[in-house]
Amino acid sequence: MGENEVQVVVRKFDGSPHRHISMIRLGEDEYGIWLGARIGTICSDGSRIALYATEERRVMLFPHDAWWTALFQAAPARLDVYCDITTPAHWPHPGEVTTVDLDLDVCRTRADGSVFVDDEDEFALHQIRYGYPPDVIARAEATSGWLSAALREPAEPFRSRYRTWLDQVS
């Protein structure tokens, strides 16, 4: 593993593996820690079986102590922003970050900038399956609402800040 390489480990609420991707640490600003992925980066499922290789440059923001992460994608991706509602990021060491995916996603399309919430059905199903506590459900729903407004406005870092980081990914 390279000096700036970070393993992104995403789990479900019961601790089972969900996603795994190796990214490069780009830096940190007031919004959080930014990681990058070049074209061809492999995204794996929790057991590290490859799901796909990225077709565009990407950056991912892990905000400090927030219940979301944001993935910003260059063209040709249909979505320019894809936010996952998650538990706050945990950094066991500088080369690994872990989060728990809470199913809800807030996305913005590249073509017309429309914003939508995705996987509400999965969120409802997993509240029962994984036994989400009421405070986790409330936090996830509130975060989804906040992100929807922030992406529509758009507020930083969703307006243009991410482009500075995306430009660093070759």
C-alpha atoms as a PDB file:
ATOM      1  CA  MET A   1       0.000   0.000   0.000  1.00  0.00           C
ATOM      2  CA  GLY A   2       1.362   3.408  -1.009  1.00  0.00           C
ATOM      3  CA  GLU A   3       2.028   6.200   1.442  1.00  0.00           C
ATOM      4  CA  ASN A   4      -1.097   8.153   0.383  1.00  0.00           C
ATOM      5  CA  GLU A   5      -3.323   5.142  -0.257  1.00  0.00           C
ATOM      6  CA  VAL A   6      -6.499   4.857   1.819  1.00  0.00           C
ATOM      7  CA  GLN A   7      -8.704   1.794   2.025  1.00  0.00           C
ATOM      8  CA  VAL A   8     -12.358   2.857   2.078  1.00  0.00           C
ATOM      9  CA  VAL A   9     -14.356   0.212   3.933  1.00  0.00           C
ATOM     10  CA  VAL A  10     -18.138   0.508   3.974  1.00  0.00           C
ATOM     11  CA  ARG A  11     -20.249  -1.825   6.073  1.00  0.00           C
ATOM     12  CA  LYS A  12     -23.940  -2.348   6.674  1.00  0.00           C
ATOM     13  CA  PHE A  13     -25.475  -1.658  10.087  1.00  0.00           C
ATOM     14  CA  ASP A  14     -25.037  -5.280  11.212  1.00  0.00           C
ATOM     15  CA  GLY A  15     -21.308  -5.062  10.467  1.00  0.00           C
ATOM     16  CA  SER A  16     -21.432  -7.089   7.263  1.00  0.00           C
ATOM     17  CA  PRO A  17     -19.170  -5.885   4.425  1.00  0.00           C
ATOM     18  CA  HIS A  18     -20.762  -3.711   1.730  1.00  0.00           C
ATOM     19  CA  ARG A  19     -18.142  -1.881  -0.413  1.00  0.00           C
ATOM     20  CA  HIS A  20     -14.382  -1.596  -0.616  1.00  0.00           C
ATOM     21  CA  ILE A  21     -12.259   0.740  -2.712  1.00  0.00           C
ATOM     22  CA  SER A  22      -8.673   1.914  -2.586  1.00  0.00           C
ATOM     23  CA  MET A  23      -8.285   5.669  -3.058  1.00  0.00           C
ATOM     24  CA  ILE A  24      -5.526   8.272  -2.832  1.00  0.00           C
ATOM     25  CA  ARG A  25      -5.464  10.887  -0.068  1.00  0.00           C
ATOM     26  CA  LEU A  26      -5.555  14.297  -1.756  1.00  0.00           C
ATOM     27  CA  GLY A  27      -5.743  16.547   1.274  1.00  0.00           C
ATOM     28  CA  GLU A  28      -7.949  18.168   3.855  1.00  0.00           C
ATOM     29  CA  ASP A  29      -9.837  21.442   4.133  1.00  0.00           C
ATOM     30  CA  GLU A  30     -12.579  22.903   6.280  1.00  0.00           C
ATOM     31  CA  TYR A  31     -15.086  20.452   4.750  1.00  0.00           C
ATOM     32  CA  GLY A  32     -13.155  17.295   5.593  1.00  0.00           C
ATOM     33  CA  ILE A  33     -10.738  14.810   4.075  1.00  0.00           C
ATOM     34  CA  TRP A  34     -10.687  14.385   0.289  1.00  0.00           C
ATOM     35  CA  LEU A  35      -9.733  11.156  -1.476  1.00  0.00           C
ATOM     36  CA  GLY A  36      -9.345  10.598  -5.220  1.00  0.00           C
ATOM     37  CA  ALA A  37      -9.791   7.710  -7.655  1.00  0.00           C
ATOM     38  CA  ARG A  38      -8.429   7.559 -11.191  1.00  0.00           C
ATOM     39  CA  ILE A  39     -10.215   6.071 -14.180  1.00  0.00           C
ATOM     40  CA  GLY A  40     -10.029   2.287 -13.900  1.00  0.00           C
ATOM     41  CA  THR A  41     -10.097   2.143 -10.086  1.00  0.00           C
ATOM     42  CA  ILE A  42     -11.770  -1.076  -8.974  1.00  0.00           C
ATOM     43  CA  CYS A  43     -14.771  -0.897  -6.672  1.00  0.00           C
ATOM     44  CA  SER A  44     -15.398  -4.188  -4.890  1.00  0.00           C
ATOM     45  CA  ASP A  45     -18.198  -5.611  -2.858  1.00  0.00           C
ATOM     46  CA  GLY A  46     -17.556  -6.332   0.788  1.00  0.00           C
ATOM     47  CA  SER A  47     -15.812  -9.626   0.030  1.00  0.00           C
ATOM     48  CA  ARG A  48     -13.502  -7.773  -2.364  1.00  0.00           C
ATOM     49  CA  ILE A  49     -15.028  -9.266  -5.496  1.00  0.00           C
ATOM     50  CA  ALA A  50     -14.728  -6.598  -8.199  1.00  0.00           C
ATOM     51  CA  LEU A  51     -18.045  -4.976  -9.083  1.00  0.00           C
ATOM     52  CA  TYR A  52     -16.798  -2.462 -11.643  1.00  0.00           C
ATOM     53  CA  ALA A  53     -13.933  -0.236 -12.711  1.00  0.00           C
ATOM     54  CA  THR A  54     -14.560   3.493 -12.640  1.00  0.00           C
ATOM     55  CA  GLU A  55     -15.051   5.142 -16.028  1.00  0.00           C
ATOM     56  CA  GLU A  56     -14.415   8.645 -14.742  1.00  0.00           C
ATOM     57  CA  ARG A  57     -12.235  10.496 -12.265  1.00  0.00           C
ATOM     58  CA  ARG A  58     -13.753  10.718  -8.805  1.00  0.00           C
ATOM     59  CA  VAL A  59     -13.209  12.414  -5.503  1.00  0.00           C
ATOM     60  CA  MET A  60     -14.811  11.483  -2.232  1.00  0.00           C
ATOM     61  CA  LEU A  61     -15.303  13.775   0.732  1.00  0.00           C
ATOM     62  CA  PHE A  62     -15.347  12.427   4.281  1.00  0.00           C
ATOM     63  CA  PRO A  63     -16.611  15.355   6.338  1.00  0.00           C
ATOM     64  CA  HIS A  64     -15.604  15.758   9.963  1.00  0.00           C
ATOM     65  CA  ASP A  65     -18.230  14.284  12.289  1.00  0.00           C
ATOM     66  CA  ALA A  66     -21.131  14.259   9.808  1.00  0.00           C
ATOM     67  CA  TRP A  67     -23.646  11.577   8.860  1.00  0.00           C
ATOM     68  CA  TRP A  68     -22.822  11.542   5.140  1.00  0.00           C
ATOM     69  CA  THR A  69     -20.100  11.132   2.560  1.00  0.00           C
ATOM     70  CA  ALA A  70     -20.051  12.698  -0.891  1.00  0.00           C
ATOM     71  CA  LEU A  71     -18.792  11.248  -4.157  1.00  0.00           C
ATOM     72  CA  PHE A  72     -18.111  13.776  -6.937  1.00  0.00           C
ATOM     73  CA  GLN A  73     -17.754  12.348 -10.435  1.00  0.00           C
ATOM     74  CA  ALA A  74     -16.332  13.816 -13.642  1.00  0.00           C
ATOM     75  CA  ALA A  75     -18.022  13.231 -17.000  1.00  0.00           C
ATOM     76  CA  PRO A  76     -19.187  10.861 -18.441  1.00  0.00           C
ATOM     77  CA  ALA A  77     -20.947   9.909 -15.179  1.00  0.00           C
ATOM     78  CA  ARG A  78     -24.686  10.663 -15.221  1.00  0.00           C
ATOM     79  CA  LEU A  79     -24.520  11.958 -11.639  1.00  0.00           C
ATOM     80  CA  ASP A  80     -22.055  14.671 -10.688  1.00  0.00           C
ATOM     81  CA  VAL A  81     -22.754  14.260  -6.944  1.00  0.00           C
ATOM     82  CA  TYR A  82     -23.742  11.102  -5.095  1.00  0.00           C
ATOM     83  CA  CYS A  83     -24.086  11.412  -1.327  1.00  0.00           C
ATOM     84  CA  ASP A  84     -24.454   8.399   0.919  1.00  0.00           C
ATOM     85  CA  ILE A  85     -26.138   8.778   4.283  1.00  0.00           C
ATOM     86  CA  THR A  86     -23.707   7.048   6.647  1.00  0.00           C
ATOM     87  CA  THR A  87     -22.532   7.043  10.205  1.00  0.00           C
ATOM     88  CA  PRO A  88     -19.670   9.490  10.779  1.00  0.00           C
ATOM     89  CA  ALA A  89     -16.394   8.348   9.229  1.00  0.00           C
ATOM     90  CA  HIS A  90     -14.008   6.504  11.509  1.00  0.00           C
ATOM     91  CA  TRP A  91     -10.262   6.579  10.824  1.00  0.00           C
ATOM     92  CA  PRO A  92      -8.604   3.652  12.663  1.00  0.00           C
ATOM     93  CA  HIS A  93      -5.345   4.878  11.085  1.00  0.00           C
ATOM     94  CA  PRO A  94      -4.426   7.227   8.199  1.00  0.00           C
ATOM     95  CA  GLY A  95      -4.590   4.379   5.662  1.00  0.00           C
ATOM     96  CA  GLU A  96      -8.181   3.327   6.390  1.00  0.00           C
ATOM     97  CA  VAL A  97     -11.563   4.961   6.750  1.00  0.00           C
ATOM     98  CA  THR A  98     -14.738   3.100   7.663  1.00  0.00           C
ATOM     99  CA  THR A  99     -18.393   4.068   7.565  1.00  0.00           C
ATOM    100  CA  VAL A 100     -21.730   2.336   7.947  1.00  0.00           C
ATOM    101  CA  ASP A 101     -24.054   2.771   4.976  1.00  0.00           C
ATOM    102  CA  LEU A 102     -27.593   3.679   6.034  1.00  0.00           C
ATOM    103  CA  ASP A 103     -29.046   3.127   2.554  1.00  0.00           C
ATOM    104  CA  LEU A 104     -30.438   6.579   1.769  1.00  0.00           C
ATOM    105  CA  ASP A 105     -28.651   8.421  -1.035  1.00  0.00           C
ATOM    106  CA  VAL A 106     -29.028  12.014  -2.215  1.00  0.00           C
ATOM    107  CA  CYS A 107     -27.949  12.587  -5.813  1.00  0.00           C
ATOM    108  CA  ARG A 108     -27.625  15.413  -8.332  1.00  0.00           C
ATOM    109  CA  THR A 109     -27.749  14.805 -12.083  1.00  0.00           C
ATOM    110  CA  ARG A 110     -25.143  16.293 -14.370  1.00  0.00           C
ATOM    111  CA  ALA A 111     -27.544  17.113 -17.227  1.00  0.00           C
ATOM    112  CA  ASP A 112     -30.038  19.399 -15.498  1.00  0.00           C
ATOM    113  CA  GLY A 113     -28.899  19.601 -11.863  1.00  0.00           C
ATOM    114  CA  SER A 114     -32.012  17.899 -10.532  1.00  0.00           C
ATOM    115  CA  VAL A 115     -31.724  16.460  -7.030  1.00  0.00           C
ATOM    116  CA  PHE A 116     -33.404  13.289  -5.811  1.00  0.00           C
ATOM    117  CA  VAL A 117     -33.368  10.924  -2.838  1.00  0.00           C
ATOM    118  CA  ASP A 118     -32.683   7.302  -3.763  1.00  0.00           C
ATOM    119  CA  ASP A 119     -33.209   3.973  -1.981  1.00  0.00           C
ATOM    120  CA  GLU A 120     -35.956   5.110   0.386  1.00  0.00           C
ATOM    121  CA  ASP A 121     -37.493   1.644   0.028  1.00  0.00           C
ATOM    122  CA  GLU A 122     -34.220  -0.003   1.054  1.00  0.00           C
ATOM    123  CA  PHE A 123     -33.939   2.380   4.018  1.00  0.00           C
ATOM    124  CA  ALA A 124     -37.443   1.393   5.194  1.00  0.00           C
ATOM    125  CA  LEU A 125     -36.706  -2.324   4.755  1.00  0.00           C
ATOM    126  CA  HIS A 126     -33.359  -2.133   6.548  1.00  0.00           C
ATOM    127  CA  GLN A 127     -34.852  -0.265   9.515  1.00  0.00           C
ATOM    128  CA  ILE A 128     -36.584  -3.562  10.285  1.00  0.00           C
ATOM    129  CA  ARG A 129     -33.913  -5.980   9.028  1.00  0.00           C
ATOM    130  CA  TYR A 130     -31.026  -4.341  10.904  1.00  0.00           C
ATOM    131  CA  GLY A 131     -33.023  -2.822  13.739  1.00  0.00           C
ATOM    132  CA  TYR A 132     -31.991   0.802  13.280  1.00  0.00           C
ATOM    133  CA  PRO A 133     -32.551   2.654  16.559  1.00  0.00           C
ATOM    134  CA  PRO A 134     -34.942   5.650  16.430  1.00  0.00           C
ATOM    135  CA  ASP A 135     -32.092   8.158  16.819  1.00  0.00           C
ATOM    136  CA  VAL A 136     -30.257   6.664  13.798  1.00  0.00           C
ATOM    137  CA  ILE A 137     -33.444   6.816  11.705  1.00  0.00           C
ATOM    138  CA  ALA A 138     -34.059  10.436  12.727  1.00  0.00           C
ATOM    139  CA  ARG A 139     -30.445  11.420  12.023  1.00  0.00           C
ATOM    140  CA  ALA A 140     -30.508   9.727   8.595  1.00  0.00           C
ATOM    141  CA  GLU A 141     -33.775  11.436   7.608  1.00  0.00           C
ATOM    142  CA  ALA A 142     -32.616  14.852   8.824  1.00  0.00           C
ATOM    143  CA  THR A 143     -29.302  14.477   6.993  1.00  0.00           C
ATOM    144  CA  SER A 144     -31.117  13.480   3.800  1.00  0.00           C
ATOM    145  CA  GLY A 145     -33.233  16.641   4.016  1.00  0.00           C
ATOM    146  CA  TRP A 146     -30.220  18.850   4.699  1.00  0.00           C
ATOM    147  CA  LEU A 147     -28.247  17.351   1.794  1.00  0.00           C
ATOM    148  CA  SER A 148     -31.203  17.741  -0.592  1.00  0.00           C
ATOM    149  CA  ALA A 149     -31.360  21.464   0.187  1.00  0.00           C
ATOM    150  CA  ALA A 150     -27.564  21.892   0.033  1.00  0.00           C
ATOM    151  CA  LEU A 151     -27.396  20.229  -3.397  1.00  0.00           C
ATOM    152  CA  ARG A 152     -30.289  22.309  -4.766  1.00  0.00           C
ATOM    153  CA  GLU A 153     -28.876  25.670  -3.596  1.00  0.00           C
ATOM    154  CA  PRO A 154     -26.004  24.615  -4.252  1.00  0.00           C
ATOM    155  CA  ALA A 155     -23.991  25.298  -1.124  1.00  0.00           C
ATOM    156  CA  GLU A 156     -20.304  24.510  -0.773  1.00  0.00           C
ATOM    157  CA  PRO A 157     -18.684  22.079  -1.037  1.00  0.00           C
ATOM    158  CA  PHE A 158     -21.313  21.063  -3.625  1.00  0.00           C
ATOM    159  CA  ARG A 159     -21.109  24.219  -5.766  1.00  0.00           C
ATOM    160  CA  SER A 160     -17.518  24.304  -6.974  1.00  0.00           C
ATOM    161  CA  ARG A 161     -15.064  23.415  -4.197  1.00  0.00           C
ATOM    162  CA  TYR A 162     -15.013  19.760  -5.259  1.00  0.00           C
ATOM    163  CA  ARG A 163     -13.703  20.729  -8.713  1.00  0.00           C
ATOM    164  CA  THR A 164     -10.414  21.879  -7.168  1.00  0.00           C
ATOM    165  CA  TRP A 165      -9.922  18.389  -5.751  1.00  0.00           C
ATOM    166  CA  LEU A 166     -11.190  16.641  -8.879  1.00  0.00           C
ATOM    167  CA  ASP A 167      -8.607  18.528 -10.945  1.00  0.00           C
ATOM    168  CA  GLN A 168      -5.881  16.869  -8.857  1.00  0.00           C
ATOM    169  CA  VAL A 169      -6.880  13.379 -10.020  1.00  0.00           C
ATOM    170  CA  SER A 170      -4.983  12.508 -13.196  1.00  0.00           C
END
